[in-house]
Amino acid sequence: MEPDYCDGDLVLIDPDRVLAVGDTVVARHPFKNLEVIKYVKSIDPDGYVVLVSPGGQDSSQFGRVPVHTVRGTVTYNWQAKRKSP
């Protein structure tokens, strides 16, 4: 999710916030033991969410994810020190 979110950043999430299209969320990757940060592209009425990112894996590679795998909506990003180009 670079450049908005980089390795070393600390994000705060709200696990109780109602999901909305366009939200940035932390979710469990469906096939890896890994938490991912993605944007919500759509929320299906059958309880699944389509996640996207500008680069890297997203729902176009791993499919829709169950809404219960979304850990929460990002409310704050504490950016780690960035290296100058």
N, C-alpha and C. Protein backbone atom coordinates (compact mmCIF):
# COMPACT_ATOMS: atom_id res chain seq x y z
N MET A 1 0.82 -1.19 0.00
CA MET A 1 0.00 0.00 0.00
C MET A 1 0.87 1.26 0.00
N GLU A 2 2.11 1.11 -0.39
CA GLU A 2 2.98 2.28 -0.49
C GLU A 2 2.45 3.23 -1.56
N PRO A 3 2.57 4.50 -1.45
CA PRO A 3 3.36 5.23 -0.47
C PRO A 3 2.58 5.62 0.79
N ASP A 4 1.27 5.37 0.83
CA ASP A 4 0.48 5.78 2.00
C ASP A 4 0.83 5.00 3.26
N TYR A 5 1.10 3.71 3.10
CA TYR A 5 1.44 2.83 4.23
C TYR A 5 2.70 2.07 3.85
N CYS A 6 3.70 2.13 4.73
CA CYS A 6 4.99 1.48 4.46
C CYS A 6 5.37 0.56 5.61
N ASP A 7 6.32 -0.34 5.36
CA ASP A 7 6.84 -1.19 6.41
C ASP A 7 7.30 -0.32 7.57
N GLY A 8 6.94 -0.71 8.76
CA GLY A 8 7.33 0.03 9.95
C GLY A 8 6.30 1.01 10.44
N ASP A 9 5.30 1.33 9.61
CA ASP A 9 4.23 2.22 10.06
C ASP A 9 3.40 1.51 11.13
N LEU A 10 2.83 2.29 12.02
CA LEU A 10 1.93 1.77 13.05
C LEU A 10 0.56 2.33 12.76
N VAL A 11 -0.42 1.45 12.57
CA VAL A 11 -1.78 1.91 12.31
C VAL A 11 -2.67 1.58 13.48
N LEU A 12 -3.58 2.48 13.75
CA LEU A 12 -4.62 2.23 14.75
C LEU A 12 -5.89 1.89 14.01
N ILE A 13 -6.63 0.92 14.54
CA ILE A 13 -7.88 0.52 13.89
C ILE A 13 -9.04 0.59 14.87
N ASP A 14 -10.22 0.75 14.31
CA ASP A 14 -11.46 0.70 15.08
C ASP A 14 -12.17 -0.58 14.65
N PRO A 15 -12.19 -1.62 15.53
CA PRO A 15 -12.81 -2.88 15.14
C PRO A 15 -14.33 -2.84 15.11
N ASP A 16 -14.92 -1.78 15.66
CA ASP A 16 -16.38 -1.70 15.75
C ASP A 16 -17.01 -0.78 14.72
N ARG A 17 -16.19 -0.09 13.96
CA ARG A 17 -16.72 0.85 12.97
C ARG A 17 -17.39 0.09 11.83
N VAL A 18 -18.52 0.57 11.37
CA VAL A 18 -19.24 -0.05 10.26
C VAL A 18 -18.44 0.18 8.98
N LEU A 19 -18.22 -0.90 8.23
CA LEU A 19 -17.44 -0.81 6.99
C LEU A 19 -18.18 -0.01 5.94
N ALA A 20 -17.41 0.75 5.17
CA ALA A 20 -17.97 1.50 4.04
C ALA A 20 -17.00 1.39 2.87
N VAL A 21 -17.54 1.48 1.66
CA VAL A 21 -16.71 1.47 0.46
C VAL A 21 -15.74 2.65 0.55
N GLY A 22 -14.47 2.39 0.24
CA GLY A 22 -13.44 3.42 0.30
C GLY A 22 -12.64 3.41 1.58
N ASP A 23 -13.12 2.72 2.61
CA ASP A 23 -12.37 2.63 3.87
C ASP A 23 -11.06 1.90 3.66
N THR A 24 -10.07 2.26 4.46
CA THR A 24 -8.82 1.50 4.54
C THR A 24 -8.97 0.57 5.74
N VAL A 25 -8.70 -0.72 5.53
CA VAL A 25 -8.91 -1.70 6.59
C VAL A 25 -7.70 -2.61 6.76
N VAL A 26 -7.62 -3.21 7.93
CA VAL A 26 -6.68 -4.29 8.19
C VAL A 26 -7.51 -5.57 8.15
N ALA A 27 -7.06 -6.52 7.35
CA ALA A 27 -7.80 -7.78 7.19
C ALA A 27 -6.83 -8.95 7.20
N ARG A 28 -7.35 -10.10 7.51
CA ARG A 28 -6.58 -11.34 7.49
C ARG A 28 -6.48 -11.81 6.05
N HIS A 29 -5.26 -12.11 5.59
CA HIS A 29 -5.08 -12.65 4.24
C HIS A 29 -5.75 -14.03 4.21
N PRO A 30 -6.48 -14.35 3.13
CA PRO A 30 -7.23 -15.62 3.12
C PRO A 30 -6.37 -16.88 3.03
N PHE A 31 -5.10 -16.77 2.56
CA PHE A 31 -4.29 -17.97 2.37
C PHE A 31 -2.96 -17.95 3.11
N LYS A 32 -2.61 -16.80 3.66
CA LYS A 32 -1.32 -16.67 4.34
C LYS A 32 -1.55 -16.25 5.79
N ASN A 33 -0.61 -16.57 6.65
CA ASN A 33 -0.67 -16.16 8.05
C ASN A 33 -0.16 -14.72 8.13
N LEU A 34 -1.02 -13.79 7.75
CA LEU A 34 -0.59 -12.42 7.49
C LEU A 34 -1.77 -11.47 7.59
N GLU A 35 -1.51 -10.29 8.15
CA GLU A 35 -2.50 -9.20 8.15
C GLU A 35 -2.13 -8.26 7.01
N VAL A 36 -3.13 -7.76 6.29
CA VAL A 36 -2.89 -6.87 5.16
C VAL A 36 -3.68 -5.58 5.33
N ILE A 37 -3.17 -4.51 4.74
CA ILE A 37 -3.89 -3.24 4.70
C ILE A 37 -4.38 -3.05 3.27
N LYS A 38 -5.68 -2.85 3.12
CA LYS A 38 -6.28 -2.72 1.78
C LYS A 38 -7.42 -1.71 1.83
N TYR A 39 -7.86 -1.28 0.65
CA TYR A 39 -9.04 -0.43 0.52
C TYR A 39 -10.25 -1.33 0.25
N VAL A 40 -11.40 -0.92 0.76
CA VAL A 40 -12.65 -1.64 0.51
C VAL A 40 -13.22 -1.15 -0.82
N LYS A 41 -13.32 -2.07 -1.79
CA LYS A 41 -13.88 -1.72 -3.09
C LYS A 41 -15.40 -1.91 -3.11
N SER A 42 -15.84 -3.01 -2.50
CA SER A 42 -17.28 -3.25 -2.43
C SER A 42 -17.58 -4.19 -1.27
N ILE A 43 -18.81 -4.10 -0.81
CA ILE A 43 -19.30 -4.97 0.27
C ILE A 43 -20.54 -5.66 -0.26
N ASP A 44 -20.46 -6.97 -0.35
CA ASP A 44 -21.57 -7.75 -0.90
C ASP A 44 -22.59 -8.05 0.18
N PRO A 45 -23.87 -8.11 -0.18
CA PRO A 45 -24.90 -8.39 0.83
C PRO A 45 -24.79 -9.80 1.43
N ASP A 46 -24.01 -10.67 0.78
CA ASP A 46 -23.86 -12.03 1.30
C ASP A 46 -22.71 -12.16 2.30
N GLY A 47 -22.16 -11.01 2.77
CA GLY A 47 -21.16 -11.04 3.83
C GLY A 47 -19.72 -11.14 3.36
N TYR A 48 -19.45 -10.73 2.13
CA TYR A 48 -18.08 -10.75 1.61
C TYR A 48 -17.65 -9.34 1.21
N VAL A 49 -16.34 -9.11 1.24
CA VAL A 49 -15.77 -7.81 0.93
C VAL A 49 -14.75 -7.98 -0.19
N VAL A 50 -14.75 -7.05 -1.14
CA VAL A 50 -13.73 -7.02 -2.18
C VAL A 50 -12.70 -5.97 -1.76
N LEU A 51 -11.45 -6.40 -1.66
CA LEU A 51 -10.35 -5.53 -1.22
C LEU A 51 -9.42 -5.23 -2.38
N VAL A 52 -8.92 -4.00 -2.44
CA VAL A 52 -7.99 -3.61 -3.51
C VAL A 52 -6.82 -2.84 -2.92
N SER A 53 -5.73 -2.82 -3.68
CA SER A 53 -4.57 -2.01 -3.32
C SER A 53 -3.92 -1.52 -4.60
N PRO A 54 -3.20 -0.39 -4.52
CA PRO A 54 -2.56 0.13 -5.72
C PRO A 54 -1.49 -0.81 -6.29
N GLY A 55 -0.86 -1.59 -5.45
CA GLY A 55 0.15 -2.56 -5.88
C GLY A 55 0.07 -3.76 -4.96
N GLY A 56 0.59 -4.87 -5.39
CA GLY A 56 0.55 -6.06 -4.54
C GLY A 56 -0.72 -6.86 -4.75
N GLN A 57 -0.91 -7.82 -3.88
CA GLN A 57 -2.06 -8.71 -4.00
C GLN A 57 -3.32 -8.06 -3.47
N ASP A 58 -4.44 -8.37 -4.11
CA ASP A 58 -5.73 -7.94 -3.63
C ASP A 58 -6.76 -8.96 -4.09
N SER A 59 -8.03 -8.60 -4.01
CA SER A 59 -9.10 -9.55 -4.33
C SER A 59 -9.06 -10.02 -5.78
N SER A 60 -8.38 -9.29 -6.67
CA SER A 60 -8.27 -9.77 -8.04
C SER A 60 -7.39 -11.02 -8.10
N GLN A 61 -6.52 -11.22 -7.09
CA GLN A 61 -5.70 -12.43 -7.02
C GLN A 61 -6.30 -13.47 -6.07
N PHE A 62 -6.77 -13.03 -4.88
CA PHE A 62 -7.22 -14.02 -3.89
C PHE A 62 -8.73 -14.06 -3.68
N GLY A 63 -9.48 -13.26 -4.39
CA GLY A 63 -10.94 -13.32 -4.31
C GLY A 63 -11.51 -12.51 -3.16
N ARG A 64 -12.82 -12.53 -3.08
CA ARG A 64 -13.51 -11.83 -2.00
C ARG A 64 -13.15 -12.48 -0.67
N VAL A 65 -13.21 -11.71 0.40
CA VAL A 65 -12.93 -12.26 1.73
C VAL A 65 -14.17 -12.09 2.61
N PRO A 66 -14.38 -13.03 3.53
CA PRO A 66 -15.51 -12.89 4.45
C PRO A 66 -15.34 -11.63 5.30
N VAL A 67 -16.43 -10.94 5.54
CA VAL A 67 -16.38 -9.69 6.29
C VAL A 67 -15.80 -9.90 7.70
N HIS A 68 -15.95 -11.10 8.27
CA HIS A 68 -15.42 -11.34 9.62
C HIS A 68 -13.89 -11.39 9.65
N THR A 69 -13.23 -11.47 8.48
CA THR A 69 -11.77 -11.46 8.46
C THR A 69 -11.21 -10.03 8.49
N VAL A 70 -12.08 -9.04 8.36
CA VAL A 70 -11.66 -7.65 8.48
C VAL A 70 -11.51 -7.35 9.97
N ARG A 71 -10.29 -6.99 10.38
CA ARG A 71 -10.00 -6.73 11.79
C ARG A 71 -10.52 -5.37 12.24
N GLY A 72 -10.52 -4.39 11.33
CA GLY A 72 -10.99 -3.07 11.67
C GLY A 72 -10.64 -2.05 10.62
N THR A 73 -11.23 -0.87 10.77
CA THR A 73 -10.99 0.24 9.87
C THR A 73 -9.84 1.09 10.41
N VAL A 74 -8.91 1.44 9.54
CA VAL A 74 -7.77 2.26 9.95
C VAL A 74 -8.27 3.66 10.29
N THR A 75 -7.91 4.10 11.50
CA THR A 75 -8.29 5.44 11.94
C THR A 75 -7.11 6.39 12.02
N TYR A 76 -5.89 5.84 12.08
CA TYR A 76 -4.70 6.67 12.18
C TYR A 76 -3.49 5.89 11.69
N ASN A 77 -2.59 6.58 10.99
CA ASN A 77 -1.34 5.98 10.51
C ASN A 77 -0.17 6.77 11.08
N TRP A 78 0.56 6.16 11.98
CA TRP A 78 1.77 6.77 12.54
C TRP A 78 2.91 6.33 11.64
N GLN A 79 3.40 7.24 10.80
CA GLN A 79 4.39 6.89 9.80
C GLN A 79 5.77 6.73 10.40
N ALA A 80 6.41 5.63 10.04
CA ALA A 80 7.81 5.42 10.42
C ALA A 80 8.65 6.42 9.66
N LYS A 81 9.87 6.60 10.11
CA LYS A 81 10.78 7.52 9.40
C LYS A 81 10.95 7.03 7.97
N ARG A 82 10.79 7.94 7.04
CA ARG A 82 10.93 7.63 5.62
C ARG A 82 12.33 8.02 5.16
N LYS A 83 12.87 7.19 4.31
CA LYS A 83 14.17 7.51 3.72
C LYS A 83 13.95 8.52 2.61
N SER A 84 14.82 9.50 2.52
CA SER A 84 14.74 10.49 1.43
C SER A 84 15.19 9.84 0.15
N PRO A 85 14.53 10.19 -0.98
CA PRO A 85 14.91 9.58 -2.26
C PRO A 85 16.30 9.96 -2.71
